[in-house]
């Protein structure tokens, strides 16, 4: 099996001090760097929110389900990867959400415009391990889309952090019910 590590949205705005910070974001950035250095993944890729004008995704009065405060705006420091995240192993970065919400990394494209699923298939990847931010939104969406795209999917829970931690068990159950795996 050819396995890719998919690092989801470990960006400044989702870490402590960012406009849409989750508790533990910086810890996740550092932990993922340690994981990458000690791993033998066939390939490592990253996704990132890269908003230009995502419409109703941004709101002055967000509901924190479908609408959110401004975050990860293209060209701002909040859009950049967290400094504790070692990006040197990234074979490609997939940007998503320029003009829509785009929770799943599979909605992203690399600099050449290649979608994540196509890029992975071109490298004979058949399994993905998903880590990053946030467990209950973009990690969950990426894992479920990975399954829909025919990949063997495992979410490495200790390398994620959630917007709403109490919702994580239900989100992980949805992934396993869809055929994926979760592990600490």
Protein backbone atom coordinates (compact mmCIF):
# COMPACT_ATOMS: atom_id res chain seq x y z
CA UNK A 1 0.00 0.00 0.00
CA UNK A 2 1.26 3.50 -0.86
CA UNK A 3 0.36 5.88 1.96
CA UNK A 4 0.23 9.66 2.02
CA UNK A 5 0.10 11.89 5.06
CA UNK A 6 -2.44 14.67 4.43
CA UNK A 7 -1.84 17.66 6.72
CA UNK A 8 -5.04 19.70 6.86
CA UNK A 9 -5.09 23.47 7.38
CA UNK A 10 -2.44 23.95 10.08
CA UNK A 11 -2.49 27.69 9.54
CA UNK A 12 -1.88 30.66 11.79
CA UNK A 13 -5.53 31.74 11.90
CA UNK A 14 -6.55 28.32 13.28
CA UNK A 15 -3.87 28.31 16.00
CA UNK A 16 -3.68 30.27 19.22
CA UNK A 17 -3.61 34.00 18.47
CA UNK A 18 -5.35 33.58 15.11
CA UNK A 19 -8.73 34.97 14.08
CA UNK A 20 -10.40 31.54 14.38
CA UNK A 21 -8.09 29.80 16.85
CA UNK A 22 -8.75 26.39 18.35
CA UNK A 23 -7.22 25.32 21.63
CA UNK A 24 -4.27 23.05 20.88
CA UNK A 25 -3.58 24.29 17.36
CA UNK A 26 0.08 25.10 18.04
CA UNK A 27 0.51 21.75 19.81
CA UNK A 28 -0.85 20.01 16.72
CA UNK A 29 1.59 21.91 14.47
CA UNK A 30 4.54 20.81 16.58
CA UNK A 31 3.28 17.21 16.94
CA UNK A 32 2.80 16.86 13.19
CA UNK A 33 6.36 18.07 12.61
CA UNK A 34 7.63 15.37 14.96
CA UNK A 35 5.44 12.80 13.20
CA UNK A 36 6.79 13.80 9.79
CA UNK A 37 10.42 13.64 10.92
CA UNK A 38 9.94 10.18 12.41
CA UNK A 39 7.81 8.68 9.65
CA UNK A 40 8.35 6.85 6.42
CA UNK A 41 5.30 8.09 4.51
CA UNK A 42 5.54 7.64 0.77
CA UNK A 43 4.39 11.22 0.31
CA UNK A 44 3.39 14.17 2.52
CA UNK A 45 1.01 16.87 1.29
CA UNK A 46 -0.81 19.77 2.91
CA UNK A 47 -4.07 21.59 2.39
CA UNK A 48 -4.83 25.17 3.28
CA UNK A 49 -7.74 27.54 3.39
CA UNK A 50 -6.92 30.24 0.87
CA UNK A 51 -9.88 32.59 0.91
CA UNK A 52 -10.30 35.54 -1.45
CA UNK A 53 -14.06 36.08 -1.42
CA UNK A 54 -15.82 33.03 -0.01
CA UNK A 55 -19.22 34.73 0.09
CA UNK A 56 -21.48 33.80 3.01
CA UNK A 57 -18.69 31.72 4.57
CA UNK A 58 -17.51 34.97 6.22
CA UNK A 59 -19.91 36.81 8.51
CA UNK A 60 -19.86 39.70 10.95
CA UNK A 61 -22.31 37.59 13.02
CA UNK A 62 -21.07 34.04 12.43
CA UNK A 63 -23.03 30.98 13.52
CA UNK A 64 -19.85 28.85 13.76
CA UNK A 65 -21.50 26.11 11.71
CA UNK A 66 -21.87 27.55 8.21
CA UNK A 67 -20.46 31.05 8.70
CA UNK A 68 -17.28 32.18 10.41
CA UNK A 69 -15.20 35.27 11.19
CA UNK A 70 -12.76 36.27 8.44
CA UNK A 71 -9.86 33.82 8.40
CA UNK A 72 -7.06 32.53 6.17
CA UNK A 73 -7.43 35.36 3.69
CA UNK A 74 -5.00 34.96 0.80
CA UNK A 75 -1.89 37.10 1.23
CA UNK A 76 -2.29 37.59 4.99
CA UNK A 77 -0.15 36.14 7.81
CA UNK A 78 -3.22 34.21 9.01
CA UNK A 79 -3.21 32.20 5.78
CA UNK A 80 0.38 31.04 6.31
CA UNK A 81 1.28 27.70 7.86
CA UNK A 82 2.02 27.83 11.58
CA UNK A 83 5.76 28.39 12.22
CA UNK A 84 5.98 25.19 14.33
CA UNK A 85 4.87 23.13 11.33
CA UNK A 86 7.81 21.74 9.37
CA UNK A 87 6.78 22.25 5.74
CA UNK A 88 10.01 21.00 4.14
CA UNK A 89 8.57 17.51 3.51
CA UNK A 90 5.48 18.78 1.66
CA UNK A 91 5.50 17.45 -1.88
CA UNK A 92 2.56 19.72 -2.74
CA UNK A 93 0.15 22.18 -1.15
CA UNK A 94 -3.54 22.17 -2.10
CA UNK A 95 -5.32 25.50 -1.75
CA UNK A 96 -9.08 25.56 -1.26
CA UNK A 97 -11.90 27.98 -0.67
CA UNK A 98 -10.93 30.98 -2.73
CA UNK A 99 -14.58 31.68 -3.63
CA UNK A 100 -16.50 29.23 -1.42
CA UNK A 101 -16.36 27.56 1.99
CA UNK A 102 -14.40 24.43 0.93
CA UNK A 103 -14.00 22.35 4.08
CA UNK A 104 -12.49 19.28 2.43
CA UNK A 105 -8.90 19.13 1.25
CA UNK A 106 -10.25 17.26 -1.76
CA UNK A 107 -11.76 20.56 -2.91
CA UNK A 108 -8.23 21.96 -3.15
CA UNK A 109 -5.85 22.18 -6.09
CA UNK A 110 -2.08 22.51 -6.30
CA UNK A 111 -0.28 25.37 -8.07
CA UNK A 112 -0.81 23.64 -11.43
CA UNK A 113 -4.57 23.29 -10.81
CA UNK A 114 -4.46 19.54 -10.11
CA UNK A 115 -7.07 18.34 -7.60
CA UNK A 116 -5.82 16.43 -4.56
CA UNK A 117 -7.45 13.10 -5.56
CA UNK A 118 -5.92 13.20 -9.05
CA UNK A 119 -2.51 14.15 -7.67
CA UNK A 120 -2.56 11.26 -5.20
CA UNK A 121 -3.73 8.74 -7.82
CA UNK A 122 -0.96 9.85 -10.21
CA UNK A 123 1.47 8.77 -7.49
CA UNK A 124 -0.32 5.44 -6.90
CA UNK A 125 -1.42 6.46 -3.41
CA UNK A 126 -4.20 4.21 -2.14
CA UNK A 127 -4.19 5.10 1.58
CA UNK A 128 -4.16 8.40 3.43
CA UNK A 129 -3.55 9.35 7.04
CA UNK A 130 -5.31 12.60 7.88
CA UNK A 131 -4.07 15.04 10.54
CA UNK A 132 -4.52 18.75 11.25
CA UNK A 133 -7.19 21.32 12.00
CA UNK A 134 -9.95 20.99 12.81
CA UNK A 135 -11.14 17.52 13.77
CA UNK A 136 -14.81 18.41 13.55
CA UNK A 137 -14.75 20.37 10.30
CA UNK A 138 -11.93 20.20 7.74
CA UNK A 139 -10.28 16.99 8.99
CA UNK A 140 -13.68 15.26 9.08
CA UNK A 141 -14.63 16.56 5.60
CA UNK A 142 -11.27 15.54 4.14
CA UNK A 143 -11.50 12.05 5.63
CA UNK A 144 -15.04 11.50 4.35
CA UNK A 145 -14.15 12.80 0.88
CA UNK A 146 -11.08 10.57 0.90
CA UNK A 147 -13.36 7.58 1.46
CA UNK A 148 -15.74 8.77 -1.29
CA UNK A 149 -12.73 8.99 -3.60
CA UNK A 150 -11.79 5.37 -2.89
CA UNK A 151 -8.84 5.87 -0.55
CA UNK A 152 -8.21 3.82 2.57
CA UNK A 153 -8.52 6.51 5.28
CA UNK A 154 -7.19 6.73 8.83
CA UNK A 155 -7.53 9.84 11.00
CA UNK A 156 -4.69 10.17 13.51
CA UNK A 157 -6.73 11.77 16.30
CA UNK A 158 -3.80 12.80 18.51
CA UNK A 159 -2.58 15.00 15.66
CA UNK A 160 -5.82 17.00 15.44
CA UNK A 161 -7.65 19.64 17.49
CA UNK A 162 -11.34 20.54 17.40
CA UNK A 163 -13.50 23.64 17.38
CA UNK A 164 -15.95 21.82 19.67
CA UNK A 165 -14.14 18.95 21.43
CA UNK A 166 -17.35 17.46 22.83
CA UNK A 167 -18.53 16.79 19.25
CA UNK A 168 -15.42 14.79 18.32
CA UNK A 169 -16.73 11.31 19.30
CA UNK A 170 -19.72 11.73 16.98
CA UNK A 171 -17.52 13.02 14.16
CA UNK A 172 -15.14 10.08 14.53
CA UNK A 173 -18.09 7.67 14.58
CA UNK A 174 -19.24 9.14 11.26
CA UNK A 175 -15.82 8.42 9.77
CA UNK A 176 -15.76 4.81 10.99
CA UNK A 177 -19.37 4.25 9.89
CA UNK A 178 -18.35 5.42 6.42
CA UNK A 179 -15.54 2.84 6.34
CA UNK A 180 -12.59 4.80 7.69
CA UNK A 181 -10.47 4.24 10.75
CA UNK A 182 -9.39 6.42 13.64
CA UNK A 183 -6.41 5.89 15.86
CA UNK A 184 -4.64 7.71 18.62
